[in-house]
Amino acid sequence: MVGGKGTTRNRSHNSKTASDLDVALPDGSGDEVYRQALARSLQRVTKAGPFDLAIYLAGADPFVDDRLGRLALTKNGLRDRDRLVIDWCRDLAIPLGIAMAGGYAREIKEIVDIHASTVHLASESCSAIGLRLE
């Protein structure tokens, strides 16, 4: 939904099928620009509900050190992104499926840290409402 798909230099721009809500961000967009765009997008999407299910593709390619992505999110920015999406679903009582994707950082440890953080946040959210992550 939110990504750096706004320039022809982006690797997937030419082959991407339009969705109901595409948000183009300039190459190099960082944490705050991304967070604001995501928050606005979630507000907009909320009006289109109700929803039976949300599928969240938690990509690691917006990471600043990703070799293929063109955004510049820090690990904290990616955690904020995950938290926004997970909390949005929880607050609206929308069941959430999370899929890990992307991750072409120079150091594989960075990719593992990013995906592990997503799982940890999802687990915390489940625990907070008495559910178990499976």
Foldseek 3Di string as FASTA:
>chain_A
DEFQLPDPPQPCNVPDDDDPDYHHDHFAAELPVRLVVLVVVLVVVVVVDDDQAEEAALEPQLDLQAPRGRYHYHLVSSLSSLLVVLVSCVVSVHHYHYDYDYDRGPDVVRSVVSVVSSVVSNQVSQVVVPHGDD
